[in-house]
């Protein structure tokens, strides 16, 4: 193969893209996403090109979550949006907590309300314990109960060396990804009844490593430990705790994290040679939230196009 276009600076000595949009890594693959970068965290879906596929218009609902009340952090966009849409179709009412993505959040709210769901938007910083208290208080005031908690919100920052990670970045990542989950779960727990479900979002990077996301991987590893320990702790109360471990999915977190040149080859390492669309991961959340999973707890579910087999 002619490798004249190979650029070890732009492709990390792993992959490259030629002028026809074809990438190389032992085999050819078609590039799906144009180079792009956002200078905000955790990113804005309305700015992405192309837009993520978050809904399956051919899906036939069966009322699996009829009347359930679901809290989703980071539910405004990305995986959270796809889960919110699927849950709305299955009859759930939604509380979507988000950071600052007003346009995305309002779009998601309008979308799920057209599907028949009631939706409460709550804007705030998940690192702040008081926001978790607010989420629980306003959920109970609006809906009177909590059935399902999805700890999905997170941030990630690309740094090529450990020494490039400032104390401030490490603190920000851990507090967003771990403390936020801890605070909200702790506040919700007194109101969760038998049959409730807690679903945490970890990452494939926990299991295979990612050299340029060291603090992020550290936080996602903590989520696995939290999930397994809490599941054992709550099993006697019949409250299930599981985790979903996504591979590379086309979400706002990708252009918000990676430099633009890395975007076109996202997901090309997987056997399916592409990144996933968020509509493809939402059904595992439905399984874990519904009565289909009444004997499932303490588990980590890998959805990654075959890249990691755990």
C-alpha atoms as a PDB file:
ATOM      1  CA  UNK A   1       0.000   0.000   0.000  1.00  0.00           C
ATOM      2  CA  UNK A   2       1.206   3.494  -0.779  1.00  0.00           C
ATOM      3  CA  UNK A   3       1.786   5.243   2.538  1.00  0.00           C
ATOM      4  CA  UNK A   4       2.898   8.614   1.193  1.00  0.00           C
ATOM      5  CA  UNK A   5       0.040  10.258   3.062  1.00  0.00           C
ATOM      6  CA  UNK A   6       1.046   8.697   6.400  1.00  0.00           C
ATOM      7  CA  UNK A   7       1.619  11.452   8.979  1.00  0.00           C
ATOM      8  CA  UNK A   8       2.963  10.365  12.371  1.00  0.00           C
ATOM      9  CA  UNK A   9       2.095  13.723  13.939  1.00  0.00           C
ATOM     10  CA  UNK A  10      -1.576  13.851  12.989  1.00  0.00           C
ATOM     11  CA  UNK A  11      -2.438  10.169  13.275  1.00  0.00           C
ATOM     12  CA  UNK A  12      -0.398   9.149  16.358  1.00  0.00           C
ATOM     13  CA  UNK A  13       1.552   6.653  14.225  1.00  0.00           C
ATOM     14  CA  UNK A  14      -1.531   4.460  14.142  1.00  0.00           C
ATOM     15  CA  UNK A  15      -3.746   5.603  11.290  1.00  0.00           C
ATOM     16  CA  UNK A  16      -3.935   8.040   8.434  1.00  0.00           C
ATOM     17  CA  UNK A  17      -6.388   9.532   5.969  1.00  0.00           C
ATOM     18  CA  UNK A  18      -5.700  10.141   2.320  1.00  0.00           C
ATOM     19  CA  UNK A  19      -7.232  12.775   0.067  1.00  0.00           C
ATOM     20  CA  UNK A  20     -10.129  10.454  -0.788  1.00  0.00           C
ATOM     21  CA  UNK A  21     -11.197  10.070   2.823  1.00  0.00           C
ATOM     22  CA  UNK A  22      -9.858   6.543   3.168  1.00  0.00           C
ATOM     23  CA  UNK A  23      -7.981   5.633   6.316  1.00  0.00           C
ATOM     24  CA  UNK A  24      -5.237   3.084   6.724  1.00  0.00           C
ATOM     25  CA  UNK A  25      -4.426   0.703   9.555  1.00  0.00           C
ATOM     26  CA  UNK A  26      -3.408  -2.597   7.970  1.00  0.00           C
ATOM     27  CA  UNK A  27      -6.801  -2.546   6.208  1.00  0.00           C
ATOM     28  CA  UNK A  28      -8.832   0.212   4.608  1.00  0.00           C
ATOM     29  CA  UNK A  29     -11.795   1.786   6.340  1.00  0.00           C
ATOM     30  CA  UNK A  30     -14.170   4.528   5.346  1.00  0.00           C
ATOM     31  CA  UNK A  31     -13.920   7.738   7.336  1.00  0.00           C
ATOM     32  CA  UNK A  32     -17.284   8.716   8.826  1.00  0.00           C
ATOM     33  CA  UNK A  33     -16.704  12.041  10.574  1.00  0.00           C
ATOM     34  CA  UNK A  34     -14.936  15.154   9.295  1.00  0.00           C
ATOM     35  CA  UNK A  35     -12.262  16.739  11.496  1.00  0.00           C
ATOM     36  CA  UNK A  36     -13.807  18.960  14.179  1.00  0.00           C
ATOM     37  CA  UNK A  37     -13.115  20.214  17.678  1.00  0.00           C
ATOM     38  CA  UNK A  38     -15.124  22.029  20.331  1.00  0.00           C
ATOM     39  CA  UNK A  39     -13.467  24.186  22.970  1.00  0.00           C
ATOM     40  CA  UNK A  40     -16.097  23.399  25.584  1.00  0.00           C
ATOM     41  CA  UNK A  41     -16.718  20.463  27.931  1.00  0.00           C
ATOM     42  CA  UNK A  42     -18.693  18.254  27.868  1.00  0.00           C
ATOM     43  CA  UNK A  43     -19.576  19.418  24.348  1.00  0.00           C
ATOM     44  CA  UNK A  44     -22.631  20.477  22.366  1.00  0.00           C
ATOM     45  CA  UNK A  45     -24.537  18.036  20.173  1.00  0.00           C
ATOM     46  CA  UNK A  46     -26.117  20.730  18.004  1.00  0.00           C
ATOM     47  CA  UNK A  47     -22.635  21.732  16.801  1.00  0.00           C
ATOM     48  CA  UNK A  48     -21.620  18.230  15.698  1.00  0.00           C
ATOM     49  CA  UNK A  49     -21.260  17.266  12.054  1.00  0.00           C
ATOM     50  CA  UNK A  50     -22.907  14.932  11.237  1.00  0.00           C
ATOM     51  CA  UNK A  51     -25.501  14.828  14.001  1.00  0.00           C
ATOM     52  CA  UNK A  52     -25.548  11.629  16.085  1.00  0.00           C
ATOM     53  CA  UNK A  53     -28.303   9.093  15.422  1.00  0.00           C
ATOM     54  CA  UNK A  54     -30.188   8.899  18.709  1.00  0.00           C
ATOM     55  CA  UNK A  55     -33.592   7.507  17.729  1.00  0.00           C
ATOM     56  CA  UNK A  56     -34.893   4.470  15.878  1.00  0.00           C
ATOM     57  CA  UNK A  57     -38.197   5.498  14.245  1.00  0.00           C
ATOM     58  CA  UNK A  58     -39.113   1.834  13.663  1.00  0.00           C
ATOM     59  CA  UNK A  59     -38.894   0.877  17.345  1.00  0.00           C
ATOM     60  CA  UNK A  60     -42.053  -0.746  18.738  1.00  0.00           C
ATOM     61  CA  UNK A  61     -42.564   0.013  22.417  1.00  0.00           C
ATOM     62  CA  UNK A  62     -44.213  -2.344  24.884  1.00  0.00           C
ATOM     63  CA  UNK A  63     -44.679  -0.211  27.998  1.00  0.00           C
ATOM     64  CA  UNK A  64     -41.730  -1.638  29.915  1.00  0.00           C
ATOM     65  CA  UNK A  65     -41.265   1.568  31.935  1.00  0.00           C
ATOM     66  CA  UNK A  66     -44.868   2.733  32.129  1.00  0.00           C
ATOM     67  CA  UNK A  67     -45.227   5.212  34.983  1.00  0.00           C
ATOM     68  CA  UNK A  68     -41.573   4.960  36.047  1.00  0.00           C
ATOM     69  CA  UNK A  69     -39.610   8.063  37.067  1.00  0.00           C
ATOM     70  CA  UNK A  70     -36.067   8.213  35.734  1.00  0.00           C
ATOM     71  CA  UNK A  71     -33.227  10.601  36.596  1.00  0.00           C
ATOM     72  CA  UNK A  72     -30.544  10.872  33.898  1.00  0.00           C
ATOM     73  CA  UNK A  73     -27.475  13.031  34.436  1.00  0.00           C
ATOM     74  CA  UNK A  74     -26.102  14.323  31.170  1.00  0.00           C
ATOM     75  CA  UNK A  75     -29.433  13.448  29.589  1.00  0.00           C
ATOM     76  CA  UNK A  76     -29.418  16.468  27.312  1.00  0.00           C
ATOM     77  CA  UNK A  77     -27.220  14.896  24.625  1.00  0.00           C
ATOM     78  CA  UNK A  78     -25.072  11.948  23.610  1.00  0.00           C
ATOM     79  CA  UNK A  79     -25.855   8.612  25.204  1.00  0.00           C
ATOM     80  CA  UNK A  80     -28.099  10.328  27.743  1.00  0.00           C
ATOM     81  CA  UNK A  81     -30.335  11.750  25.021  1.00  0.00           C
ATOM     82  CA  UNK A  82     -30.710   8.391  23.271  1.00  0.00           C
ATOM     83  CA  UNK A  83     -31.630   6.746  26.584  1.00  0.00           C
ATOM     84  CA  UNK A  84     -34.131   9.493  27.390  1.00  0.00           C
ATOM     85  CA  UNK A  85     -35.846   9.060  24.010  1.00  0.00           C
ATOM     86  CA  UNK A  86     -36.080   5.276  24.308  1.00  0.00           C
ATOM     87  CA  UNK A  87     -37.344   5.476  27.885  1.00  0.00           C
ATOM     88  CA  UNK A  88     -39.958   8.039  26.878  1.00  0.00           C
ATOM     89  CA  UNK A  89     -41.228   5.621  24.244  1.00  0.00           C
ATOM     90  CA  UNK A  90     -41.507   2.955  26.934  1.00  0.00           C
ATOM     91  CA  UNK A  91     -43.672   5.165  29.140  1.00  0.00           C
ATOM     92  CA  UNK A  92     -41.213   6.747  31.599  1.00  0.00           C
ATOM     93  CA  UNK A  93     -41.241  10.283  32.923  1.00  0.00           C
ATOM     94  CA  UNK A  94     -37.852  11.958  32.922  1.00  0.00           C
ATOM     95  CA  UNK A  95     -35.657  14.221  35.000  1.00  0.00           C
ATOM     96  CA  UNK A  96     -32.728  15.419  32.914  1.00  0.00           C
ATOM     97  CA  UNK A  97     -29.858  17.011  34.809  1.00  0.00           C
ATOM     98  CA  UNK A  98     -27.352  18.881  32.672  1.00  0.00           C
ATOM     99  CA  UNK A  99     -24.469  21.323  33.023  1.00  0.00           C
ATOM    100  CA  UNK A 100     -24.748  24.230  30.564  1.00  0.00           C
ATOM    101  CA  UNK A 101     -25.994  22.747  27.278  1.00  0.00           C
ATOM    102  CA  UNK A 102     -29.261  24.721  27.166  1.00  0.00           C
ATOM    103  CA  UNK A 103     -29.970  24.284  23.454  1.00  0.00           C
ATOM    104  CA  UNK A 104     -29.397  20.528  23.562  1.00  0.00           C
ATOM    105  CA  UNK A 105     -31.397  20.130  26.765  1.00  0.00           C
ATOM    106  CA  UNK A 106     -34.397  22.027  25.455  1.00  0.00           C
ATOM    107  CA  UNK A 107     -34.357  20.063  22.206  1.00  0.00           C
ATOM    108  CA  UNK A 108     -34.338  16.771  24.130  1.00  0.00           C
ATOM    109  CA  UNK A 109     -37.158  17.949  26.383  1.00  0.00           C
ATOM    110  CA  UNK A 110     -39.319  18.896  23.399  1.00  0.00           C
ATOM    111  CA  UNK A 111     -38.513  15.610  21.679  1.00  0.00           C
ATOM    112  CA  UNK A 112     -39.471  13.359  24.600  1.00  0.00           C
ATOM    113  CA  UNK A 113     -42.573  15.391  25.371  1.00  0.00           C
ATOM    114  CA  UNK A 114     -43.789  14.809  21.818  1.00  0.00           C
ATOM    115  CA  UNK A 115     -43.456  11.112  22.630  1.00  0.00           C
ATOM    116  CA  UNK A 116     -45.786  11.522  25.605  1.00  0.00           C
ATOM    117  CA  UNK A 117     -43.296  11.805  28.465  1.00  0.00           C
ATOM    118  CA  UNK A 118     -43.234  14.442  31.158  1.00  0.00           C
ATOM    119  CA  UNK A 119     -39.771  15.972  31.405  1.00  0.00           C
ATOM    120  CA  UNK A 120     -38.160  18.113  34.090  1.00  0.00           C
ATOM    121  CA  UNK A 121     -34.923  19.909  33.145  1.00  0.00           C
ATOM    122  CA  UNK A 122     -32.486  20.792  35.933  1.00  0.00           C
ATOM    123  CA  UNK A 123     -29.377  22.837  35.193  1.00  0.00           C
ATOM    124  CA  UNK A 124     -26.389  22.728  37.518  1.00  0.00           C
ATOM    125  CA  UNK A 125     -22.957  21.400  38.352  1.00  0.00           C
ATOM    126  CA  UNK A 126     -22.904  17.734  39.363  1.00  0.00           C
ATOM    127  CA  UNK A 127     -19.621  18.353  41.226  1.00  0.00           C
ATOM    128  CA  UNK A 128     -21.592  20.429  43.711  1.00  0.00           C
ATOM    129  CA  UNK A 129     -23.287  18.339  46.408  1.00  0.00           C
ATOM    130  CA  UNK A 130     -26.081  20.909  46.672  1.00  0.00           C
ATOM    131  CA  UNK A 131     -27.085  20.232  43.041  1.00  0.00           C
ATOM    132  CA  UNK A 132     -27.629  16.562  43.879  1.00  0.00           C
ATOM    133  CA  UNK A 133     -29.860  17.608  46.748  1.00  0.00           C
ATOM    134  CA  UNK A 134     -31.756  19.886  44.374  1.00  0.00           C
ATOM    135  CA  UNK A 135     -32.214  17.104  41.810  1.00  0.00           C
ATOM    136  CA  UNK A 136     -33.731  14.745  44.365  1.00  0.00           C
ATOM    137  CA  UNK A 137     -35.896  17.419  45.979  1.00  0.00           C
ATOM    138  CA  UNK A 138     -37.352  18.672  42.700  1.00  0.00           C
ATOM    139  CA  UNK A 139     -37.854  15.148  41.364  1.00  0.00           C
ATOM    140  CA  UNK A 140     -39.888  14.228  44.441  1.00  0.00           C
ATOM    141  CA  UNK A 141     -41.817  17.500  44.349  1.00  0.00           C
ATOM    142  CA  UNK A 142     -42.695  16.952  40.682  1.00  0.00           C
ATOM    143  CA  UNK A 143     -43.200  13.195  40.430  1.00  0.00           C
ATOM    144  CA  UNK A 144     -43.346  11.943  44.021  1.00  0.00           C
ATOM    145  CA  UNK A 145     -40.884   9.073  43.576  1.00  0.00           C
ATOM    146  CA  UNK A 146     -37.673   7.800  41.970  1.00  0.00           C
ATOM    147  CA  UNK A 147     -37.513   4.431  40.240  1.00  0.00           C
ATOM    148  CA  UNK A 148     -34.353   4.556  38.123  1.00  0.00           C
ATOM    149  CA  UNK A 149     -31.133   6.535  38.485  1.00  0.00           C
ATOM    150  CA  UNK A 150     -28.675   6.793  35.588  1.00  0.00           C
ATOM    151  CA  UNK A 151     -25.297   8.325  36.416  1.00  0.00           C
ATOM    152  CA  UNK A 152     -24.172   9.248  32.920  1.00  0.00           C
ATOM    153  CA  UNK A 153     -22.614  12.739  33.141  1.00  0.00           C
ATOM    154  CA  UNK A 154     -18.876  12.943  32.588  1.00  0.00           C
ATOM    155  CA  UNK A 155     -15.939  14.816  31.099  1.00  0.00           C
ATOM    156  CA  UNK A 156     -12.665  13.772  29.485  1.00  0.00           C
ATOM    157  CA  UNK A 157      -9.593  15.757  28.448  1.00  0.00           C
ATOM    158  CA  UNK A 158      -6.862  14.643  26.069  1.00  0.00           C
ATOM    159  CA  UNK A 159      -3.336  14.989  27.462  1.00  0.00           C
ATOM    160  CA  UNK A 160      -0.362  13.257  25.856  1.00  0.00           C
ATOM    161  CA  UNK A 161       1.667  12.927  29.061  1.00  0.00           C
ATOM    162  CA  UNK A 162       0.855  12.413  32.730  1.00  0.00           C
ATOM    163  CA  UNK A 163       2.921  15.482  33.509  1.00  0.00           C
ATOM    164  CA  UNK A 164       0.574  17.555  31.325  1.00  0.00           C
ATOM    165  CA  UNK A 165      -2.373  16.807  33.617  1.00  0.00           C
ATOM    166  CA  UNK A 166      -2.642  19.684  36.050  1.00  0.00           C
ATOM    167  CA  UNK A 167      -3.874  19.201  39.585  1.00  0.00           C
ATOM    168  CA  UNK A 168      -6.857  21.336  38.631  1.00  0.00           C
ATOM    169  CA  UNK A 169      -7.759  19.094  35.666  1.00  0.00           C
ATOM    170  CA  UNK A 170      -7.381  15.916  37.723  1.00  0.00           C
ATOM    171  CA  UNK A 171      -9.588  17.368  40.442  1.00  0.00           C
ATOM    172  CA  UNK A 172     -12.187  18.506  37.900  1.00  0.00           C
ATOM    173  CA  UNK A 173     -12.332  15.102  36.182  1.00  0.00           C
ATOM    174  CA  UNK A 174     -12.564  13.059  39.371  1.00  0.00           C
ATOM    175  CA  UNK A 175     -15.129  15.344  40.981  1.00  0.00           C
ATOM    176  CA  UNK A 176     -17.336  15.390  37.887  1.00  0.00           C
ATOM    177  CA  UNK A 177     -17.145  11.698  37.047  1.00  0.00           C
ATOM    178  CA  UNK A 178     -16.927  10.152  40.526  1.00  0.00           C
ATOM    179  CA  UNK A 179     -18.037  12.616  43.188  1.00  0.00           C
ATOM    180  CA  UNK A 180     -21.117  13.578  41.179  1.00  0.00           C
ATOM    181  CA  UNK A 181     -22.162   9.924  40.949  1.00  0.00           C
ATOM    182  CA  UNK A 182     -21.479   9.403  44.669  1.00  0.00           C
ATOM    183  CA  UNK A 183     -23.387  12.513  45.760  1.00  0.00           C
ATOM    184  CA  UNK A 184     -26.460  11.838  43.648  1.00  0.00           C
ATOM    185  CA  UNK A 185     -26.674   8.133  44.464  1.00  0.00           C
ATOM    186  CA  UNK A 186     -26.340   8.871  48.165  1.00  0.00           C
ATOM    187  CA  UNK A 187     -29.109  11.491  48.008  1.00  0.00           C
ATOM    188  CA  UNK A 188     -31.406   9.221  45.979  1.00  0.00           C
ATOM    189  CA  UNK A 189     -30.921   6.048  48.014  1.00  0.00           C
ATOM    190  CA  UNK A 190     -33.389   6.776  50.844  1.00  0.00           C
ATOM    191  CA  UNK A 191     -36.161   7.089  48.247  1.00  0.00           C
ATOM    192  CA  UNK A 192     -35.413   4.002  46.153  1.00  0.00           C
ATOM    193  CA  UNK A 193     -37.777   1.099  46.773  1.00  0.00           C
ATOM    194  CA  UNK A 194     -37.438  -2.614  46.122  1.00  0.00           C
ATOM    195  CA  UNK A 195     -37.097  -3.177  42.379  1.00  0.00           C
ATOM    196  CA  UNK A 196     -35.300   0.108  41.737  1.00  0.00           C
ATOM    197  CA  UNK A 197     -32.344   0.239  39.370  1.00  0.00           C
ATOM    198  CA  UNK A 198     -29.124   2.262  39.415  1.00  0.00           C
ATOM    199  CA  UNK A 199     -27.114   2.339  36.186  1.00  0.00           C
ATOM    200  CA  UNK A 200     -23.639   3.862  36.061  1.00  0.00           C
ATOM    201  CA  UNK A 201     -21.620   4.632  32.936  1.00  0.00           C
ATOM    202  CA  UNK A 202     -17.995   3.521  32.871  1.00  0.00           C
ATOM    203  CA  UNK A 203     -15.836   3.117  29.736  1.00  0.00           C
ATOM    204  CA  UNK A 204     -13.940   0.649  27.603  1.00  0.00           C
ATOM    205  CA  UNK A 205     -10.818   2.608  28.534  1.00  0.00           C
ATOM    206  CA  UNK A 206     -10.997   1.160  32.039  1.00  0.00           C
ATOM    207  CA  UNK A 207     -10.361  -2.320  30.653  1.00  0.00           C
ATOM    208  CA  UNK A 208      -7.911  -1.658  27.813  1.00  0.00           C
ATOM    209  CA  UNK A 209      -6.275   1.593  28.863  1.00  0.00           C
ATOM    210  CA  UNK A 210      -5.964   4.878  26.977  1.00  0.00           C
ATOM    211  CA  UNK A 211      -2.576   6.593  27.164  1.00  0.00           C
ATOM    212  CA  UNK A 212      -3.956  10.098  26.582  1.00  0.00           C
ATOM    213  CA  UNK A 213      -6.884   9.904  29.022  1.00  0.00           C
ATOM    214  CA  UNK A 214      -5.144   8.874  32.244  1.00  0.00           C
ATOM    215  CA  UNK A 215      -7.304  10.861  34.676  1.00  0.00           C
ATOM    216  CA  UNK A 216     -10.494   9.901  32.828  1.00  0.00           C
ATOM    217  CA  UNK A 217      -9.593   6.206  32.906  1.00  0.00           C
ATOM    218  CA  UNK A 218      -8.847   6.506  36.619  1.00  0.00           C
ATOM    219  CA  UNK A 219     -12.311   7.930  37.224  1.00  0.00           C
ATOM    220  CA  UNK A 220     -14.039   5.281  35.120  1.00  0.00           C
ATOM    221  CA  UNK A 221     -12.194   2.526  36.976  1.00  0.00           C
ATOM    222  CA  UNK A 222     -13.540   3.944  40.219  1.00  0.00           C
ATOM    223  CA  UNK A 223     -17.049   3.694  38.789  1.00  0.00           C
ATOM    224  CA  UNK A 224     -16.608  -0.051  38.207  1.00  0.00           C
ATOM    225  CA  UNK A 225     -15.525  -0.559  41.816  1.00  0.00           C
ATOM    226  CA  UNK A 226     -18.387   1.581  43.092  1.00  0.00           C
ATOM    227  CA  UNK A 227     -20.894  -0.369  41.001  1.00  0.00           C
ATOM    228  CA  UNK A 228     -19.760  -3.798  42.134  1.00  0.00           C
ATOM    229  CA  UNK A 229     -19.519  -2.882  45.813  1.00  0.00           C
ATOM    230  CA  UNK A 230     -22.823  -1.014  45.938  1.00  0.00           C
ATOM    231  CA  UNK A 231     -24.565  -3.859  44.102  1.00  0.00           C
ATOM    232  CA  UNK A 232     -23.477  -6.292  46.813  1.00  0.00           C
ATOM    233  CA  UNK A 233     -24.450  -3.829  49.522  1.00  0.00           C
ATOM    234  CA  UNK A 234     -27.969  -3.295  48.152  1.00  0.00           C
ATOM    235  CA  UNK A 235     -28.774  -6.801  46.909  1.00  0.00           C
ATOM    236  CA  UNK A 236     -30.737  -7.667  50.071  1.00  0.00           C
ATOM    237  CA  UNK A 237     -32.943  -4.625  49.438  1.00  0.00           C
ATOM    238  CA  UNK A 238     -33.629  -5.776  45.866  1.00  0.00           C
ATOM    239  CA  UNK A 239     -32.081  -2.623  44.418  1.00  0.00           C
ATOM    240  CA  UNK A 240     -30.006  -3.465  41.353  1.00  0.00           C
ATOM    241  CA  UNK A 241     -26.763  -1.673  40.493  1.00  0.00           C
ATOM    242  CA  UNK A 242     -25.090  -2.229  37.135  1.00  0.00           C
ATOM    243  CA  UNK A 243     -22.776  -0.416  34.755  1.00  0.00           C
ATOM    244  CA  UNK A 244     -22.599   0.094  31.005  1.00  0.00           C
ATOM    245  CA  UNK A 245     -19.150   0.310  29.427  1.00  0.00           C
ATOM    246  CA  UNK A 246     -19.327   2.043  26.031  1.00  0.00           C
ATOM    247  CA  UNK A 247     -16.634   1.812  23.423  1.00  0.00           C
ATOM    248  CA  UNK A 248     -16.257   4.721  21.019  1.00  0.00           C
ATOM    249  CA  UNK A 249     -19.629   6.352  20.357  1.00  0.00           C
ATOM    250  CA  UNK A 250     -20.324   9.478  18.339  1.00  0.00           C
ATOM    251  CA  UNK A 251     -21.217  11.890  21.144  1.00  0.00           C
ATOM    252  CA  UNK A 252     -20.305  15.504  21.979  1.00  0.00           C
ATOM    253  CA  UNK A 253     -17.606  14.203  24.318  1.00  0.00           C
ATOM    254  CA  UNK A 254     -15.523  13.165  21.293  1.00  0.00           C
ATOM    255  CA  UNK A 255     -15.031  16.539  19.560  1.00  0.00           C
ATOM    256  CA  UNK A 256     -14.882  18.221  22.967  1.00  0.00           C
ATOM    257  CA  UNK A 257     -11.967  16.011  23.970  1.00  0.00           C
ATOM    258  CA  UNK A 258      -9.894  15.027  20.941  1.00  0.00           C
ATOM    259  CA  UNK A 259      -7.963  17.245  18.591  1.00  0.00           C
ATOM    260  CA  UNK A 260      -9.653  17.581  15.223  1.00  0.00           C
ATOM    261  CA  UNK A 261      -7.296  15.277  13.321  1.00  0.00           C
ATOM    262  CA  UNK A 262      -8.243  12.273  15.483  1.00  0.00           C
ATOM    263  CA  UNK A 263     -11.994  12.512  14.836  1.00  0.00           C
ATOM    264  CA  UNK A 264     -12.173  10.885  11.348  1.00  0.00           C
ATOM    265  CA  UNK A 265     -10.667   7.621  12.595  1.00  0.00           C
ATOM    266  CA  UNK A 266     -12.758   7.231  15.752  1.00  0.00           C
ATOM    267  CA  UNK A 267     -13.799   3.623  16.265  1.00  0.00           C
ATOM    268  CA  UNK A 268     -11.676   2.248  13.437  1.00  0.00           C
ATOM    269  CA  UNK A 269      -9.806  -0.005  15.880  1.00  0.00           C
ATOM    270  CA  UNK A 270     -12.910  -2.110  16.501  1.00  0.00           C
ATOM    271  CA  UNK A 271     -13.690  -5.214  14.419  1.00  0.00           C
ATOM    272  CA  UNK A 272     -16.725  -3.330  13.072  1.00  0.00           C
ATOM    273  CA  UNK A 273     -14.318  -0.542  12.016  1.00  0.00           C
ATOM    274  CA  UNK A 274     -16.542   2.340  13.084  1.00  0.00           C
ATOM    275  CA  UNK A 275     -17.793   4.311  16.047  1.00  0.00           C
ATOM    276  CA  UNK A 276     -21.208   3.470  17.429  1.00  0.00           C
ATOM    277  CA  UNK A 277     -24.296   5.632  17.225  1.00  0.00           C
ATOM    278  CA  UNK A 278     -26.042   6.344  20.513  1.00  0.00           C
ATOM    279  CA  UNK A 279     -29.237   4.639  19.332  1.00  0.00           C
ATOM    280  CA  UNK A 280     -27.223   1.408  19.364  1.00  0.00           C
ATOM    281  CA  UNK A 281     -26.421   1.524  23.080  1.00  0.00           C
ATOM    282  CA  UNK A 282     -29.699   2.782  24.552  1.00  0.00           C
ATOM    283  CA  UNK A 283     -31.393  -0.673  24.571  1.00  0.00           C
ATOM    284  CA  UNK A 284     -28.941  -2.066  27.158  1.00  0.00           C
ATOM    285  CA  UNK A 285     -30.025   0.711  29.519  1.00  0.00           C
ATOM    286  CA  UNK A 286     -33.638  -0.290  28.934  1.00  0.00           C
ATOM    287  CA  UNK A 287     -32.826  -3.895  29.804  1.00  0.00           C
ATOM    288  CA  UNK A 288     -31.122  -2.831  33.040  1.00  0.00           C
ATOM    289  CA  UNK A 289     -33.899  -0.405  33.976  1.00  0.00           C
ATOM    290  CA  UNK A 290     -36.811  -2.765  33.319  1.00  0.00           C
ATOM    291  CA  UNK A 291     -38.088  -5.947  34.922  1.00  0.00           C
ATOM    292  CA  UNK A 292     -36.226  -7.904  32.244  1.00  0.00           C
ATOM    293  CA  UNK A 293     -33.119  -7.670  34.477  1.00  0.00           C
ATOM    294  CA  UNK A 294     -34.546  -8.585  37.891  1.00  0.00           C
ATOM    295  CA  UNK A 295     -31.747 -11.128  38.486  1.00  0.00           C
ATOM    296  CA  UNK A 296     -28.947  -8.917  37.170  1.00  0.00           C
ATOM    297  CA  UNK A 297     -26.773  -6.845  39.496  1.00  0.00           C
ATOM    298  CA  UNK A 298     -23.115  -5.941  39.920  1.00  0.00           C
ATOM    299  CA  UNK A 299     -22.438  -6.448  36.213  1.00  0.00           C
ATOM    300  CA  UNK A 300     -20.614  -4.401  33.586  1.00  0.00           C
ATOM    301  CA  UNK A 301     -22.048  -4.560  30.069  1.00  0.00           C
ATOM    302  CA  UNK A 302     -19.648  -3.939  27.178  1.00  0.00           C
ATOM    303  CA  UNK A 303     -21.000  -2.330  24.011  1.00  0.00           C
ATOM    304  CA  UNK A 304     -18.066  -1.575  21.728  1.00  0.00           C
ATOM    305  CA  UNK A 305     -18.305  -3.130  18.275  1.00  0.00           C
ATOM    306  CA  UNK A 306     -16.148  -6.053  19.350  1.00  0.00           C
ATOM    307  CA  UNK A 307     -13.082  -4.010  20.328  1.00  0.00           C
ATOM    308  CA  UNK A 308     -12.928  -5.370  23.883  1.00  0.00           C
ATOM    309  CA  UNK A 309     -14.366  -8.700  24.959  1.00  0.00           C
ATOM    310  CA  UNK A 310     -14.851  -8.841  28.700  1.00  0.00           C
END
